[in-house]
Amino acid sequence: MEEHSSVLTVEFKINLIAPGDGELLIGKSNVIKNGRTLTICNSEVYIVKDGNEKLCAVAQLTLIELKNSTDKKLIK
């Protein structure tokens, strides 16, 4: 991403699978495709309870980079 760019959400989907109660939450994310303007990512959230790791939530999102556009220009 360029220095003077903003990133906006195009699409965001989250599935809540289990309650997030436990001693620790672990988030794991990766970029599926990094294009010239659109970037597609996915994330998984795990809960650790009593030493066991369990999937808590999954998300997929699409982001767009607006080059030469700071956040201040977008807020009016």
N, C-alpha and C. Protein backbone atom coordinates (compact mmCIF):
# COMPACT_ATOMS: atom_id res chain seq x y z
N MET A 1 0.83 -1.17 0.00
CA MET A 1 0.00 0.00 0.00
C MET A 1 0.88 1.24 0.00
N GLU A 2 0.48 2.21 -0.77
CA GLU A 2 1.25 3.44 -0.85
C GLU A 2 1.05 4.30 0.41
N GLU A 3 2.02 5.18 0.66
CA GLU A 3 2.01 5.97 1.89
C GLU A 3 0.78 6.88 2.00
N HIS A 4 0.38 7.49 0.91
CA HIS A 4 -0.73 8.45 0.96
C HIS A 4 -2.01 7.83 0.42
N SER A 5 -2.35 6.67 0.93
CA SER A 5 -3.55 5.96 0.50
C SER A 5 -4.47 5.70 1.68
N SER A 6 -5.72 5.45 1.37
CA SER A 6 -6.69 5.03 2.37
C SER A 6 -7.18 3.64 2.00
N VAL A 7 -7.61 2.90 3.00
CA VAL A 7 -8.15 1.57 2.77
C VAL A 7 -9.59 1.56 3.27
N LEU A 8 -10.51 1.14 2.40
CA LEU A 8 -11.92 1.08 2.75
C LEU A 8 -12.41 -0.36 2.62
N THR A 9 -13.46 -0.69 3.36
CA THR A 9 -14.07 -2.01 3.28
C THR A 9 -15.07 -2.03 2.14
N VAL A 10 -14.93 -3.00 1.25
CA VAL A 10 -15.89 -3.22 0.17
C VAL A 10 -16.94 -4.21 0.63
N GLU A 11 -16.48 -5.30 1.25
CA GLU A 11 -17.39 -6.34 1.73
C GLU A 11 -16.80 -6.96 2.98
N PHE A 12 -17.68 -7.31 3.93
CA PHE A 12 -17.23 -7.90 5.18
C PHE A 12 -18.26 -8.92 5.63
N LYS A 13 -17.85 -10.16 5.79
CA LYS A 13 -18.75 -11.21 6.25
C LYS A 13 -18.10 -11.92 7.42
N ILE A 14 -18.87 -12.08 8.50
CA ILE A 14 -18.36 -12.78 9.67
C ILE A 14 -19.38 -13.82 10.11
N ASN A 15 -18.87 -14.99 10.46
CA ASN A 15 -19.70 -16.05 11.03
C ASN A 15 -19.24 -16.28 12.46
N LEU A 16 -20.16 -16.07 13.40
CA LEU A 16 -19.89 -16.34 14.81
C LEU A 16 -20.26 -17.79 15.07
N ILE A 17 -19.28 -18.59 15.47
CA ILE A 17 -19.47 -20.03 15.57
C ILE A 17 -19.69 -20.49 17.00
N ALA A 18 -18.96 -19.91 17.93
CA ALA A 18 -19.05 -20.32 19.33
C ALA A 18 -18.82 -19.09 20.22
N PRO A 19 -19.29 -19.14 21.47
CA PRO A 19 -19.04 -18.02 22.38
C PRO A 19 -17.55 -17.80 22.60
N GLY A 20 -17.17 -16.57 22.81
CA GLY A 20 -15.76 -16.23 23.01
C GLY A 20 -15.38 -16.20 24.47
N ASP A 21 -15.77 -17.21 25.23
CA ASP A 21 -15.42 -17.23 26.65
C ASP A 21 -14.28 -18.21 26.90
N GLY A 22 -13.23 -17.71 27.49
CA GLY A 22 -12.06 -18.54 27.77
C GLY A 22 -10.93 -17.69 28.30
N GLU A 23 -9.77 -18.28 28.40
CA GLU A 23 -8.61 -17.56 28.93
C GLU A 23 -7.91 -16.71 27.88
N LEU A 24 -8.07 -17.09 26.59
CA LEU A 24 -7.29 -16.43 25.54
C LEU A 24 -8.04 -16.49 24.22
N LEU A 25 -8.00 -15.41 23.46
CA LEU A 25 -8.48 -15.39 22.09
C LEU A 25 -7.28 -15.26 21.16
N ILE A 26 -7.25 -16.06 20.10
CA ILE A 26 -6.15 -16.02 19.14
C ILE A 26 -6.73 -15.70 17.77
N GLY A 27 -6.23 -14.66 17.13
CA GLY A 27 -6.65 -14.29 15.78
C GLY A 27 -5.59 -14.68 14.77
N LYS A 28 -6.01 -15.34 13.69
CA LYS A 28 -5.10 -15.72 12.60
C LYS A 28 -5.69 -15.21 11.30
N SER A 29 -4.92 -14.45 10.55
CA SER A 29 -5.40 -13.85 9.30
C SER A 29 -4.38 -14.03 8.20
N ASN A 30 -4.87 -14.00 6.96
CA ASN A 30 -3.96 -14.00 5.83
C ASN A 30 -4.61 -13.33 4.63
N VAL A 31 -3.77 -12.92 3.72
CA VAL A 31 -4.22 -12.29 2.48
C VAL A 31 -4.37 -13.40 1.45
N ILE A 32 -5.57 -13.52 0.89
CA ILE A 32 -5.83 -14.52 -0.14
C ILE A 32 -5.32 -14.03 -1.49
N LYS A 33 -5.64 -12.76 -1.81
CA LYS A 33 -5.19 -12.17 -3.07
C LYS A 33 -4.96 -10.68 -2.86
N ASN A 34 -3.79 -10.23 -3.26
CA ASN A 34 -3.45 -8.81 -3.16
C ASN A 34 -3.38 -8.26 -4.58
N GLY A 35 -4.45 -7.61 -5.02
CA GLY A 35 -4.49 -7.06 -6.36
C GLY A 35 -4.04 -5.61 -6.40
N ARG A 36 -4.16 -4.98 -7.57
CA ARG A 36 -3.75 -3.57 -7.69
C ARG A 36 -4.62 -2.65 -6.86
N THR A 37 -5.93 -2.94 -6.78
CA THR A 37 -6.81 -2.10 -5.97
C THR A 37 -7.56 -2.90 -4.91
N LEU A 38 -8.00 -4.12 -5.23
CA LEU A 38 -8.75 -4.93 -4.26
C LEU A 38 -7.84 -5.96 -3.59
N THR A 39 -8.05 -6.12 -2.29
CA THR A 39 -7.33 -7.13 -1.52
C THR A 39 -8.36 -7.98 -0.79
N ILE A 40 -8.23 -9.30 -0.91
CA ILE A 40 -9.17 -10.22 -0.27
C ILE A 40 -8.43 -10.94 0.85
N CYS A 41 -9.03 -10.93 2.05
CA CYS A 41 -8.41 -11.52 3.23
C CYS A 41 -9.40 -12.43 3.94
N ASN A 42 -8.86 -13.34 4.76
CA ASN A 42 -9.72 -14.10 5.65
C ASN A 42 -9.09 -14.15 7.03
N SER A 43 -9.95 -14.35 8.03
CA SER A 43 -9.51 -14.38 9.42
C SER A 43 -10.24 -15.48 10.16
N GLU A 44 -9.57 -16.03 11.15
CA GLU A 44 -10.16 -17.01 12.04
C GLU A 44 -9.83 -16.59 13.47
N VAL A 45 -10.80 -16.73 14.36
CA VAL A 45 -10.60 -16.43 15.77
C VAL A 45 -10.81 -17.72 16.56
N TYR A 46 -9.84 -18.04 17.38
CA TYR A 46 -9.89 -19.25 18.21
C TYR A 46 -9.94 -18.85 19.67
N ILE A 47 -10.60 -19.66 20.47
CA ILE A 47 -10.64 -19.48 21.91
C ILE A 47 -9.83 -20.59 22.55
N VAL A 48 -9.09 -20.27 23.60
CA VAL A 48 -8.37 -21.28 24.36
C VAL A 48 -9.02 -21.34 25.73
N LYS A 49 -9.55 -22.51 26.06
CA LYS A 49 -10.21 -22.72 27.35
C LYS A 49 -9.80 -24.08 27.88
N ASP A 50 -9.28 -24.09 29.09
CA ASP A 50 -8.80 -25.32 29.73
C ASP A 50 -7.78 -26.05 28.86
N GLY A 51 -6.93 -25.29 28.16
CA GLY A 51 -5.88 -25.87 27.34
C GLY A 51 -6.32 -26.35 25.96
N ASN A 52 -7.61 -26.22 25.65
CA ASN A 52 -8.13 -26.65 24.35
C ASN A 52 -8.41 -25.45 23.46
N GLU A 53 -8.00 -25.54 22.19
CA GLU A 53 -8.23 -24.48 21.22
C GLU A 53 -9.46 -24.83 20.38
N LYS A 54 -10.39 -23.86 20.27
CA LYS A 54 -11.65 -24.11 19.56
C LYS A 54 -11.96 -22.91 18.65
N LEU A 55 -12.40 -23.20 17.44
CA LEU A 55 -12.76 -22.14 16.49
C LEU A 55 -13.96 -21.38 17.01
N CYS A 56 -13.86 -20.06 17.03
CA CYS A 56 -14.91 -19.19 17.59
C CYS A 56 -15.61 -18.38 16.50
N ALA A 57 -14.86 -17.89 15.50
CA ALA A 57 -15.43 -17.05 14.45
C ALA A 57 -14.54 -17.10 13.20
N VAL A 58 -15.17 -16.91 12.04
CA VAL A 58 -14.44 -16.79 10.79
C VAL A 58 -14.95 -15.56 10.04
N ALA A 59 -14.09 -14.94 9.26
CA ALA A 59 -14.48 -13.76 8.50
C ALA A 59 -13.77 -13.75 7.16
N GLN A 60 -14.43 -13.17 6.18
CA GLN A 60 -13.79 -12.90 4.89
C GLN A 60 -14.10 -11.46 4.52
N LEU A 61 -13.10 -10.74 4.07
CA LEU A 61 -13.32 -9.34 3.73
C LEU A 61 -12.58 -8.94 2.47
N THR A 62 -13.15 -7.96 1.80
CA THR A 62 -12.55 -7.38 0.61
C THR A 62 -12.31 -5.91 0.91
N LEU A 63 -11.09 -5.46 0.66
CA LEU A 63 -10.68 -4.08 0.91
C LEU A 63 -10.27 -3.43 -0.40
N ILE A 64 -10.45 -2.12 -0.47
CA ILE A 64 -10.02 -1.37 -1.65
C ILE A 64 -9.05 -0.28 -1.21
N GLU A 65 -8.00 -0.12 -1.99
CA GLU A 65 -7.03 0.94 -1.74
C GLU A 65 -7.36 2.14 -2.62
N LEU A 66 -7.54 3.30 -1.99
CA LEU A 66 -7.75 4.55 -2.72
C LEU A 66 -6.43 5.31 -2.70
N LYS A 67 -5.74 5.29 -3.80
CA LYS A 67 -4.41 5.91 -3.87
C LYS A 67 -4.53 7.43 -3.84
N ASN A 68 -3.55 8.05 -3.20
CA ASN A 68 -3.49 9.51 -3.05
C ASN A 68 -4.76 10.08 -2.45
N SER A 69 -5.32 9.37 -1.48
CA SER A 69 -6.54 9.81 -0.80
C SER A 69 -6.40 9.52 0.68
N THR A 70 -6.23 10.55 1.47
CA THR A 70 -6.10 10.35 2.91
C THR A 70 -7.49 10.26 3.52
N ASP A 71 -7.59 9.74 4.72
CA ASP A 71 -8.86 9.61 5.41
C ASP A 71 -9.53 10.96 5.64
N LYS A 72 -8.75 12.00 5.82
CA LYS A 72 -9.31 13.34 6.04
C LYS A 72 -10.13 13.81 4.84
N LYS A 73 -9.72 13.43 3.63
CA LYS A 73 -10.46 13.82 2.43
C LYS A 73 -11.80 13.08 2.34
N LEU A 74 -11.87 11.88 2.93
CA LEU A 74 -13.08 11.07 2.82
C LEU A 74 -14.14 11.50 3.82
N ILE A 75 -13.77 12.10 4.93
CA ILE A 75 -14.71 12.50 5.97
C ILE A 75 -15.12 13.95 5.77
N LYS A 76 -16.39 14.16 5.52
CA LYS A 76 -16.89 15.53 5.33
C LYS A 76 -18.22 15.70 6.02
